[in-house]
Amino acid sequence: RAVDSVLNAGVKLLCTAHGRDVADVMANPSLSAMVGRGIFERFI
């Protein structure tokens, strides 16, 4: 919900997440919806 507020304000988001790769993050229920929406433009 806080991320939605950031996006609605036109502010860029920089964050971290636990995982081995993007597929691993997508398998995490708490992160899959956020990542699946296509918010992030870059993954390191």
All heavy atoms as atom14 arrays in JSON, in Angstrom:
{
  "sequence": "RAVDSVLNAGVKLLCTAHGRDVADVMANPSLSAMVGRGIFERFI",
  "atom14_mask": [
    [1, 1, 1, 1, 1, 1, 1, 1, 1, 1, 1, 0, 0, 0],
    [1, 1, 1, 1, 1, 0, 0, 0, 0, 0, 0, 0, 0, 0],
    [1, 1, 1, 1, 1, 1, 1, 0, 0, 0, 0, 0, 0, 0],
    [1, 1, 1, 1, 1, 1, 1, 1, 0, 0, 0, 0, 0, 0],
    [1, 1, 1, 1, 1, 1, 0, 0, 0, 0, 0, 0, 0, 0],
    [1, 1, 1, 1, 1, 1, 1, 0, 0, 0, 0, 0, 0, 0],
    [1, 1, 1, 1, 1, 1, 1, 1, 0, 0, 0, 0, 0, 0],
    [1, 1, 1, 1, 1, 1, 1, 1, 0, 0, 0, 0, 0, 0],
    [1, 1, 1, 1, 1, 0, 0, 0, 0, 0, 0, 0, 0, 0],
    [1, 1, 1, 1, 0, 0, 0, 0, 0, 0, 0, 0, 0, 0],
    [1, 1, 1, 1, 1, 1, 1, 0, 0, 0, 0, 0, 0, 0],
    [1, 1, 1, 1, 1, 1, 1, 1, 1, 0, 0, 0, 0, 0],
    [1, 1, 1, 1, 1, 1, 1, 1, 0, 0, 0, 0, 0, 0],
    [1, 1, 1, 1, 1, 1, 1, 1, 0, 0, 0, 0, 0, 0],
    [1, 1, 1, 1, 1, 1, 0, 0, 0, 0, 0, 0, 0, 0],
    [1, 1, 1, 1, 1, 1, 1, 0, 0, 0, 0, 0, 0, 0],
    [1, 1, 1, 1, 1, 0, 0, 0, 0, 0, 0, 0, 0, 0],
    [1, 1, 1, 1, 1, 1, 1, 1, 1, 1, 0, 0, 0, 0],
    [1, 1, 1, 1, 0, 0, 0, 0, 0, 0, 0, 0, 0, 0],
    [1, 1, 1, 1, 1, 1, 1, 1, 1, 1, 1, 0, 0, 0],
    [1, 1, 1, 1, 1, 1, 1, 1, 0, 0, 0, 0, 0, 0],
    [1, 1, 1, 1, 1, 1, 1, 0, 0, 0, 0, 0, 0, 0],
    [1, 1, 1, 1, 1, 0, 0, 0, 0, 0, 0, 0, 0, 0],
    [1, 1, 1, 1, 1, 1, 1, 1, 0, 0, 0, 0, 0, 0],
    [1, 1, 1, 1, 1, 1, 1, 0, 0, 0, 0, 0, 0, 0],
    [1, 1, 1, 1, 1, 1, 1, 1, 0, 0, 0, 0, 0, 0],
    [1, 1, 1, 1, 1, 0, 0, 0, 0, 0, 0, 0, 0, 0],
    [1, 1, 1, 1, 1, 1, 1, 1, 0, 0, 0, 0, 0, 0],
    [1, 1, 1, 1, 1, 1, 1, 0, 0, 0, 0, 0, 0, 0],
    [1, 1, 1, 1, 1, 1, 0, 0, 0, 0, 0, 0, 0, 0],
    [1, 1, 1, 1, 1, 1, 1, 1, 0, 0, 0, 0, 0, 0],
    [1, 1, 1, 1, 1, 1, 0, 0, 0, 0, 0, 0, 0, 0],
    [1, 1, 1, 1, 1, 0, 0, 0, 0, 0, 0, 0, 0, 0],
    [1, 1, 1, 1, 1, 1, 1, 1, 0, 0, 0, 0, 0, 0],
    [1, 1, 1, 1, 1, 1, 1, 0, 0, 0, 0, 0, 0, 0],
    [1, 1, 1, 1, 0, 0, 0, 0, 0, 0, 0, 0, 0, 0],
    [1, 1, 1, 1, 1, 1, 1, 1, 1, 1, 1, 0, 0, 0],
    [1, 1, 1, 1, 0, 0, 0, 0, 0, 0, 0, 0, 0, 0],
    [1, 1, 1, 1, 1, 1, 1, 1, 0, 0, 0, 0, 0, 0],
    [1, 1, 1, 1, 1, 1, 1, 1, 1, 1, 1, 0, 0, 0],
    [1, 1, 1, 1, 1, 1, 1, 1, 1, 0, 0, 0, 0, 0],
    [1, 1, 1, 1, 1, 1, 1, 1, 1, 1, 1, 0, 0, 0],
    [1, 1, 1, 1, 1, 1, 1, 1, 1, 1, 1, 0, 0, 0],
    [1, 1, 1, 1, 1, 1, 1, 1, 0, 0, 0, 0, 0, 0]
  ],
  "atom14_positions": [
    [[0.83, -1.21, 0.0], [0.0, 0.0, 0.0], [0.86, 1.26, 0.0], [0.54, 2.26, -0.66], [-0.95, -0.02, 1.21], [-2.1, -1.01, 1.06], [-3.18, -0.73, 2.08], [-2.75, -1.07, 3.43], [-2.92, -2.27, 3.98], [-3.51, -3.24, 3.29], [-2.52, -2.51, 5.22], [0.0, 0.0, 0.0], [0.0, 0.0, 0.0], [0.0, 0.0, 0.0]],
    [[1.97, 1.22, 0.75], [2.87, 2.37, 0.76], [3.51, 2.57, -0.61], [3.7, 3.71, -1.06], [3.94, 2.18, 1.83], [0.0, 0.0, 0.0], [0.0, 0.0, 0.0], [0.0, 0.0, 0.0], [0.0, 0.0, 0.0], [0.0, 0.0, 0.0], [0.0, 0.0, 0.0], [0.0, 0.0, 0.0], [0.0, 0.0, 0.0], [0.0, 0.0, 0.0]],
    [[3.83, 1.46, -1.29], [4.39, 1.56, -2.64], [3.4, 2.24, -3.58], [3.78, 3.06, -4.41], [4.77, 0.16, -3.16], [5.03, 0.18, -4.67], [6.01, -0.35, -2.43], [0.0, 0.0, 0.0], [0.0, 0.0, 0.0], [0.0, 0.0, 0.0], [0.0, 0.0, 0.0], [0.0, 0.0, 0.0], [0.0, 0.0, 0.0], [0.0, 0.0, 0.0]],
    [[2.12, 1.92, -3.44], [1.1, 2.58, -4.27], [1.12, 4.09, -4.05], [0.97, 4.87, -5.0], [-0.29, 2.03, -3.94], [-0.53, 0.66, -4.54], [0.18, 0.3, -5.51], [-1.42, -0.06, -4.04], [0.0, 0.0, 0.0], [0.0, 0.0, 0.0], [0.0, 0.0, 0.0], [0.0, 0.0, 0.0], [0.0, 0.0, 0.0], [0.0, 0.0, 0.0]],
    [[1.31, 4.51, -2.8], [1.38, 5.94, -2.51], [2.58, 6.57, -3.19], [2.5, 7.69, -3.73], [1.46, 6.17, -1.0], [0.31, 5.7, -0.34], [0.0, 0.0, 0.0], [0.0, 0.0, 0.0], [0.0, 0.0, 0.0], [0.0, 0.0, 0.0], [0.0, 0.0, 0.0], [0.0, 0.0, 0.0], [0.0, 0.0, 0.0], [0.0, 0.0, 0.0]],
    [[3.71, 5.86, -3.19], [4.92, 6.36, -3.85], [4.68, 6.53, -5.34], [5.01, 7.57, -5.94], [6.1, 5.4, -3.6], [7.32, 5.81, -4.42], [6.46, 5.37, -2.11], [0.0, 0.0, 0.0], [0.0, 0.0, 0.0], [0.0, 0.0, 0.0], [0.0, 0.0, 0.0], [0.0, 0.0, 0.0], [0.0, 0.0, 0.0], [0.0, 0.0, 0.0]],
    [[4.09, 5.51, -5.95], [3.85, 5.55, -7.4], [2.86, 6.65, -7.76], [3.04, 7.36, -8.75], [3.33, 4.19, -7.87], [4.27, 3.0, -7.66], [3.59, 1.72, -8.1], [5.58, 3.2, -8.4], [0.0, 0.0, 0.0], [0.0, 0.0, 0.0], [0.0, 0.0, 0.0], [0.0, 0.0, 0.0], [0.0, 0.0, 0.0], [0.0, 0.0, 0.0]],
    [[1.8, 6.78, -6.97], [0.79, 7.8, -7.25], [1.35, 9.21, -7.14], [0.82, 10.15, -7.76], [-0.41, 7.64, -6.31], [-1.2, 6.38, -6.59], [-1.17, 5.85, -7.7], [-1.91, 5.88, -5.59], [0.0, 0.0, 0.0], [0.0, 0.0, 0.0], [0.0, 0.0, 0.0], [0.0, 0.0, 0.0], [0.0, 0.0, 0.0], [0.0, 0.0, 0.0]],
    [[2.42, 9.37, -6.35], [3.03, 10.69, -6.18], [4.09, 10.96, -7.26], [4.68, 12.05, -7.28], [3.67, 10.79, -4.8], [0.0, 0.0, 0.0], [0.0, 0.0, 0.0], [0.0, 0.0, 0.0], [0.0, 0.0, 0.0], [0.0, 0.0, 0.0], [0.0, 0.0, 0.0], [0.0, 0.0, 0.0], [0.0, 0.0, 0.0], [0.0, 0.0, 0.0]],
    [[4.32, 9.98, -8.14], [5.31, 10.18, -9.2], [6.74, 10.09, -8.72], [7.66, 10.59, -9.39], [0.0, 0.0, 0.0], [0.0, 0.0, 0.0], [0.0, 0.0, 0.0], [0.0, 0.0, 0.0], [0.0, 0.0, 0.0], [0.0, 0.0, 0.0], [0.0, 0.0, 0.0], [0.0, 0.0, 0.0], [0.0, 0.0, 0.0], [0.0, 0.0, 0.0]],
    [[6.94, 9.43, -7.56], [8.28, 9.29, -6.98], [8.85, 7.93, -7.37], [8.12, 6.94, -7.45], [8.21, 9.44, -5.44], [9.55, 9.15, -4.79], [7.74, 10.84, -5.08], [0.0, 0.0, 0.0], [0.0, 0.0, 0.0], [0.0, 0.0, 0.0], [0.0, 0.0, 0.0], [0.0, 0.0, 0.0], [0.0, 0.0, 0.0], [0.0, 0.0, 0.0]],
    [[10.14, 7.88, -7.62], [10.79, 6.64, -8.0], [11.07, 5.78, -6.77], [11.3, 6.3, -5.67], [12.09, 6.91, -8.75], [11.87, 7.59, -10.1], [11.06, 6.7, -11.04], [10.93, 7.33, -12.42], [10.24, 6.45, -13.38], [0.0, 0.0, 0.0], [0.0, 0.0, 0.0], [0.0, 0.0, 0.0], [0.0, 0.0, 0.0], [0.0, 0.0, 0.0]],
    [[11.1, 4.47, -6.96], [11.26, 3.52, -5.87], [12.55, 2.73, -6.04], [12.83, 2.19, -7.12], [10.07, 2.56, -5.83], [10.04, 1.51, -4.71], [9.96, 2.18, -3.35], [8.85, 0.57, -4.92], [0.0, 0.0, 0.0], [0.0, 0.0, 0.0], [0.0, 0.0, 0.0], [0.0, 0.0, 0.0], [0.0, 0.0, 0.0], [0.0, 0.0, 0.0]],
    [[13.34, 2.67, -4.98], [14.57, 1.88, -4.92], [14.48, 1.0, -3.7], [14.33, 1.49, -2.58], [15.78, 2.82, -4.84], [17.15, 2.18, -4.58], [17.56, 1.3, -5.75], [18.2, 3.27, -4.33], [0.0, 0.0, 0.0], [0.0, 0.0, 0.0], [0.0, 0.0, 0.0], [0.0, 0.0, 0.0], [0.0, 0.0, 0.0], [0.0, 0.0, 0.0]],
    [[14.56, -0.33, -3.9], [14.35, -1.22, -2.75], [15.16, -2.5, -2.91], [15.76, -2.75, -3.96], [12.87, -1.55, -2.6], [12.24, -2.63, -3.91], [0.0, 0.0, 0.0], [0.0, 0.0, 0.0], [0.0, 0.0, 0.0], [0.0, 0.0, 0.0], [0.0, 0.0, 0.0], [0.0, 0.0, 0.0], [0.0, 0.0, 0.0], [0.0, 0.0, 0.0]],
    [[15.13, -3.32, -1.87], [15.76, -4.64, -1.92], [14.74, -5.7, -1.55], [13.68, -5.41, -0.98], [16.95, -4.76, -0.94], [16.45, -4.79, 0.41], [17.92, -3.61, -1.1], [0.0, 0.0, 0.0], [0.0, 0.0, 0.0], [0.0, 0.0, 0.0], [0.0, 0.0, 0.0], [0.0, 0.0, 0.0], [0.0, 0.0, 0.0], [0.0, 0.0, 0.0]],
    [[15.08, -6.96, -1.89], [14.23, -8.1, -1.53], [15.11, -9.34, -1.42], [16.12, -9.47, -2.12], [13.14, -8.32, -2.57], [0.0, 0.0, 0.0], [0.0, 0.0, 0.0], [0.0, 0.0, 0.0], [0.0, 0.0, 0.0], [0.0, 0.0, 0.0], [0.0, 0.0, 0.0], [0.0, 0.0, 0.0], [0.0, 0.0, 0.0], [0.0, 0.0, 0.0]],
    [[14.71, -10.26, -0.54], [15.41, -11.55, -0.42], [15.04, -12.44, -1.59], [13.88, -12.51, -1.99], [15.02, -12.26, 0.87], [15.73, -11.73, 2.08], [17.1, -11.63, 2.16], [15.25, -11.3, 3.27], [17.43, -11.15, 3.35], [16.33, -10.94, 4.04], [0.0, 0.0, 0.0], [0.0, 0.0, 0.0], [0.0, 0.0, 0.0], [0.0, 0.0, 0.0]],
    [[16.04, -13.14, -2.14], [15.77, -14.1, -3.2], [17.03, -14.42, -3.98], [18.04, -13.71, -3.88], [0.0, 0.0, 0.0], [0.0, 0.0, 0.0], [0.0, 0.0, 0.0], [0.0, 0.0, 0.0], [0.0, 0.0, 0.0], [0.0, 0.0, 0.0], [0.0, 0.0, 0.0], [0.0, 0.0, 0.0], [0.0, 0.0, 0.0], [0.0, 0.0, 0.0]],
    [[16.96, -15.51, -4.77], [18.11, -15.88, -5.61], [18.05, -15.18, -6.97], [19.08, -14.93, -7.59], [18.14, -17.39, -5.82], [18.38, -18.2, -4.54], [18.49, -19.68, -4.85], [17.28, -20.2, -5.45], [16.23, -20.65, -4.76], [16.27, -20.63, -3.44], [15.16, -21.1, -5.38], [0.0, 0.0, 0.0], [0.0, 0.0, 0.0], [0.0, 0.0, 0.0]],
    [[16.83, -14.89, -7.43], [16.66, -14.24, -8.73], [15.24, -13.69, -8.8], [14.48, -13.78, -7.82], [16.94, -15.21, -9.88], [16.2, -16.54, -9.72], [15.08, -16.54, -9.18], [16.74, -17.57, -10.15], [0.0, 0.0, 0.0], [0.0, 0.0, 0.0], [0.0, 0.0, 0.0], [0.0, 0.0, 0.0], [0.0, 0.0, 0.0], [0.0, 0.0, 0.0]],
    [[14.85, -13.16, -9.96], [13.53, -12.58, -10.1], [12.44, -13.64, -9.95], [11.4, -13.41, -9.32], [13.39, -11.86, -11.46], [11.98, -11.27, -11.6], [14.43, -10.75, -11.58], [0.0, 0.0, 0.0], [0.0, 0.0, 0.0], [0.0, 0.0, 0.0], [0.0, 0.0, 0.0], [0.0, 0.0, 0.0], [0.0, 0.0, 0.0], [0.0, 0.0, 0.0]],
    [[12.69, -14.83, -10.49], [11.71, -15.92, -10.38], [11.48, -16.3, -8.92], [10.35, -16.59, -8.51], [12.19, -17.14, -11.17], [0.0, 0.0, 0.0], [0.0, 0.0, 0.0], [0.0, 0.0, 0.0], [0.0, 0.0, 0.0], [0.0, 0.0, 0.0], [0.0, 0.0, 0.0], [0.0, 0.0, 0.0], [0.0, 0.0, 0.0], [0.0, 0.0, 0.0]],
    [[12.54, -16.26, -8.12], [12.43, -16.58, -6.7], [11.57, -15.54, -5.98], [10.74, -15.87, -5.13], [13.83, -16.63, -6.08], [13.88, -17.44, -4.8], [13.02, -18.33, -4.63], [14.79, -17.21, -3.99], [0.0, 0.0, 0.0], [0.0, 0.0, 0.0], [0.0, 0.0, 0.0], [0.0, 0.0, 0.0], [0.0, 0.0, 0.0], [0.0, 0.0, 0.0]],
    [[11.76, -14.27, -6.33], [10.95, -13.21, -5.74], [9.48, -13.37, -6.15], [8.57, -13.18, -5.34], [11.48, -11.83, -6.17], [10.51, -10.72, -5.79], [12.85, -11.57, -5.54], [0.0, 0.0, 0.0], [0.0, 0.0, 0.0], [0.0, 0.0, 0.0], [0.0, 0.0, 0.0], [0.0, 0.0, 0.0], [0.0, 0.0, 0.0], [0.0, 0.0, 0.0]],
    [[9.25, -13.75, -7.4], [7.88, -13.93, -7.88], [7.17, -15.08, -7.17], [5.94, -15.12, -7.09], [7.88, -14.19, -9.39], [8.19, -12.97, -10.23], [6.89, -11.71, -10.11], [5.53, -12.54, -10.96], [0.0, 0.0, 0.0], [0.0, 0.0, 0.0], [0.0, 0.0, 0.0], [0.0, 0.0, 0.0], [0.0, 0.0, 0.0], [0.0, 0.0, 0.0]],
    [[7.94, -16.03, -6.64], [7.35, -17.15, -5.91], [6.99, -16.8, -4.48], [6.34, -17.58, -3.79], [8.32, -18.34, -5.93], [0.0, 0.0, 0.0], [0.0, 0.0, 0.0], [0.0, 0.0, 0.0], [0.0, 0.0, 0.0], [0.0, 0.0, 0.0], [0.0, 0.0, 0.0], [0.0, 0.0, 0.0], [0.0, 0.0, 0.0], [0.0, 0.0, 0.0]],
    [[7.43, -15.61, -4.04], [7.12, -15.15, -2.69], [5.76, -14.45, -2.7], [5.59, -13.43, -3.36], [8.21, -14.17, -2.23], [8.02, -13.69, -0.81], [6.9, -13.61, -0.3], [9.12, -13.36, -0.16], [0.0, 0.0, 0.0], [0.0, 0.0, 0.0], [0.0, 0.0, 0.0], [0.0, 0.0, 0.0], [0.0, 0.0, 0.0], [0.0, 0.0, 0.0]],
    [[4.77, -15.0, -1.98], [3.41, -14.42, -2.04], [3.36, -12.94, -1.68], [2.54, -12.2, -2.23], [2.63, -15.28, -1.04], [3.38, -16.56, -0.94], [4.82, -16.19, -1.12], [0.0, 0.0, 0.0], [0.0, 0.0, 0.0], [0.0, 0.0, 0.0], [0.0, 0.0, 0.0], [0.0, 0.0, 0.0], [0.0, 0.0, 0.0], [0.0, 0.0, 0.0]],
    [[4.21, -12.51, -0.76], [4.17, -11.12, -0.32], [4.77, -10.16, -1.34], [4.59, -8.94, -1.24], [4.9, -10.96, 1.02], [6.28, -11.24, 0.88], [0.0, 0.0, 0.0], [0.0, 0.0, 0.0], [0.0, 0.0, 0.0], [0.0, 0.0, 0.0], [0.0, 0.0, 0.0], [0.0, 0.0, 0.0], [0.0, 0.0, 0.0], [0.0, 0.0, 0.0]],
    [[5.51, -10.68, -2.33], [6.17, -9.82, -3.31], [5.66, -10.03, -4.73], [5.81, -9.15, -5.57], [7.69, -10.08, -3.29], [8.44, -9.64, -2.04], [9.87, -10.16, -2.07], [8.45, -8.13, -1.91], [0.0, 0.0, 0.0], [0.0, 0.0, 0.0], [0.0, 0.0, 0.0], [0.0, 0.0, 0.0], [0.0, 0.0, 0.0], [0.0, 0.0, 0.0]],
    [[5.07, -11.2, -5.0], [4.72, -11.54, -6.38], [3.73, -10.55, -6.99], [3.85, -10.16, -8.15], [4.15, -12.96, -6.45], [3.0, -13.08, -5.64], [0.0, 0.0, 0.0], [0.0, 0.0, 0.0], [0.0, 0.0, 0.0], [0.0, 0.0, 0.0], [0.0, 0.0, 0.0], [0.0, 0.0, 0.0], [0.0, 0.0, 0.0], [0.0, 0.0, 0.0]],
    [[2.74, -10.11, -6.2], [1.75, -9.17, -6.73], [2.41, -7.84, -7.09], [2.12, -7.25, -8.14], [0.64, -8.95, -5.71], [0.0, 0.0, 0.0], [0.0, 0.0, 0.0], [0.0, 0.0, 0.0], [0.0, 0.0, 0.0], [0.0, 0.0, 0.0], [0.0, 0.0, 0.0], [0.0, 0.0, 0.0], [0.0, 0.0, 0.0], [0.0, 0.0, 0.0]],
    [[3.32, -7.39, -6.22], [4.0, -6.12, -6.45], [4.86, -6.19, -7.71], [4.82, -5.3, -8.57], [4.85, -5.78, -5.23], [5.3, -4.34, -5.14], [6.4, -4.07, -3.71], [5.4, -4.73, -2.37], [0.0, 0.0, 0.0], [0.0, 0.0, 0.0], [0.0, 0.0, 0.0], [0.0, 0.0, 0.0], [0.0, 0.0, 0.0], [0.0, 0.0, 0.0]],
    [[5.64, -7.26, -7.83], [6.54, -7.4, -8.98], [5.73, -7.71, -10.25], [6.03, -7.21, -11.33], [7.58, -8.5, -8.72], [8.45, -8.73, -9.96], [8.45, -8.13, -7.52], [0.0, 0.0, 0.0], [0.0, 0.0, 0.0], [0.0, 0.0, 0.0], [0.0, 0.0, 0.0], [0.0, 0.0, 0.0], [0.0, 0.0, 0.0], [0.0, 0.0, 0.0]],
    [[4.7, -8.53, -10.09], [3.89, -8.92, -11.24], [3.15, -7.77, -11.9], [2.76, -7.88, -13.07], [0.0, 0.0, 0.0], [0.0, 0.0, 0.0], [0.0, 0.0, 0.0], [0.0, 0.0, 0.0], [0.0, 0.0, 0.0], [0.0, 0.0, 0.0], [0.0, 0.0, 0.0], [0.0, 0.0, 0.0], [0.0, 0.0, 0.0], [0.0, 0.0, 0.0]],
    [[2.95, -6.69, -11.19], [2.27, -5.52, -11.77], [3.16, -4.75, -12.73], [2.7, -3.82, -13.4], [1.81, -4.59, -10.65], [0.68, -5.12, -9.81], [0.49, -4.31, -8.54], [0.35, -2.89, -8.81], [0.46, -1.94, -7.88], [0.73, -2.29, -6.64], [0.29, -0.68, -8.19], [0.0, 0.0, 0.0], [0.0, 0.0, 0.0], [0.0, 0.0, 0.0]],
    [[4.42, -5.13, -12.8], [5.32, -4.44, -13.73], [5.83, -3.11, -13.25], [6.22, -2.25, -14.05], [0.0, 0.0, 0.0], [0.0, 0.0, 0.0], [0.0, 0.0, 0.0], [0.0, 0.0, 0.0], [0.0, 0.0, 0.0], [0.0, 0.0, 0.0], [0.0, 0.0, 0.0], [0.0, 0.0, 0.0], [0.0, 0.0, 0.0], [0.0, 0.0, 0.0]],
    [[5.83, -2.92, -11.92], [6.29, -1.65, -11.35], [7.76, -1.42, -11.66], [8.18, -0.33, -12.07], [6.08, -1.63, -9.82], [4.6, -1.68, -9.48], [6.77, -0.43, -9.19], [4.33, -1.91, -8.01], [0.0, 0.0, 0.0], [0.0, 0.0, 0.0], [0.0, 0.0, 0.0], [0.0, 0.0, 0.0], [0.0, 0.0, 0.0], [0.0, 0.0, 0.0]],
    [[8.57, -2.46, -11.45], [10.02, -2.28, -11.49], [10.56, -2.36, -12.92], [10.22, -3.24, -13.7], [10.69, -3.32, -10.59], [10.36, -3.14, -9.15], [9.36, -3.89, -8.54], [11.0, -2.17, -8.4], [9.03, -3.71, -7.22], [10.68, -1.97, -7.06], [9.68, -2.74, -6.48], [0.0, 0.0, 0.0], [0.0, 0.0, 0.0], [0.0, 0.0, 0.0]],
    [[11.42, -1.39, -13.22], [12.02, -1.3, -14.55], [13.4, -1.95, -14.61], [13.89, -2.28, -15.69], [12.13, 0.17, -14.94], [10.8, 0.91, -14.95], [11.0, 2.41, -14.99], [11.33, 3.01, -13.95], [10.83, 2.98, -16.09], [0.0, 0.0, 0.0], [0.0, 0.0, 0.0], [0.0, 0.0, 0.0], [0.0, 0.0, 0.0], [0.0, 0.0, 0.0]],
    [[14.04, -2.1, -13.46], [15.36, -2.72, -13.39], [15.43, -3.68, -12.2], [14.88, -3.39, -11.12], [16.46, -1.66, -13.23], [16.59, -0.71, -14.41], [17.15, -1.42, -15.63], [17.42, -0.49, -16.73], [16.53, -0.19, -17.67], [15.31, -0.74, -17.65], [16.86, 0.65, -18.63], [0.0, 0.0, 0.0], [0.0, 0.0, 0.0], [0.0, 0.0, 0.0]],
    [[16.11, -4.8, -12.41], [16.37, -5.77, -11.35], [17.87, -6.03, -11.3], [18.48, -6.38, -12.31], [15.64, -7.09, -11.62], [14.14, -6.98, -11.58], [13.43, -6.73, -12.75], [13.45, -7.12, -10.39], [12.05, -6.62, -12.73], [12.07, -7.02, -10.35], [11.37, -6.77, -11.53], [0.0, 0.0, 0.0], [0.0, 0.0, 0.0], [0.0, 0.0, 0.0]],
    [[18.45, -5.84, -10.11], [19.87, -6.12, -9.88], [19.94, -7.37, -9.01], [19.37, -7.4, -7.92], [20.57, -4.95, -9.18], [20.4, -3.66, -9.99], [22.05, -5.26, -8.96], [20.84, -2.41, -9.23], [0.0, 0.0, 0.0], [0.0, 0.0, 0.0], [0.0, 0.0, 0.0], [0.0, 0.0, 0.0], [0.0, 0.0, 0.0], [0.0, 0.0, 0.0]]
  ]
}
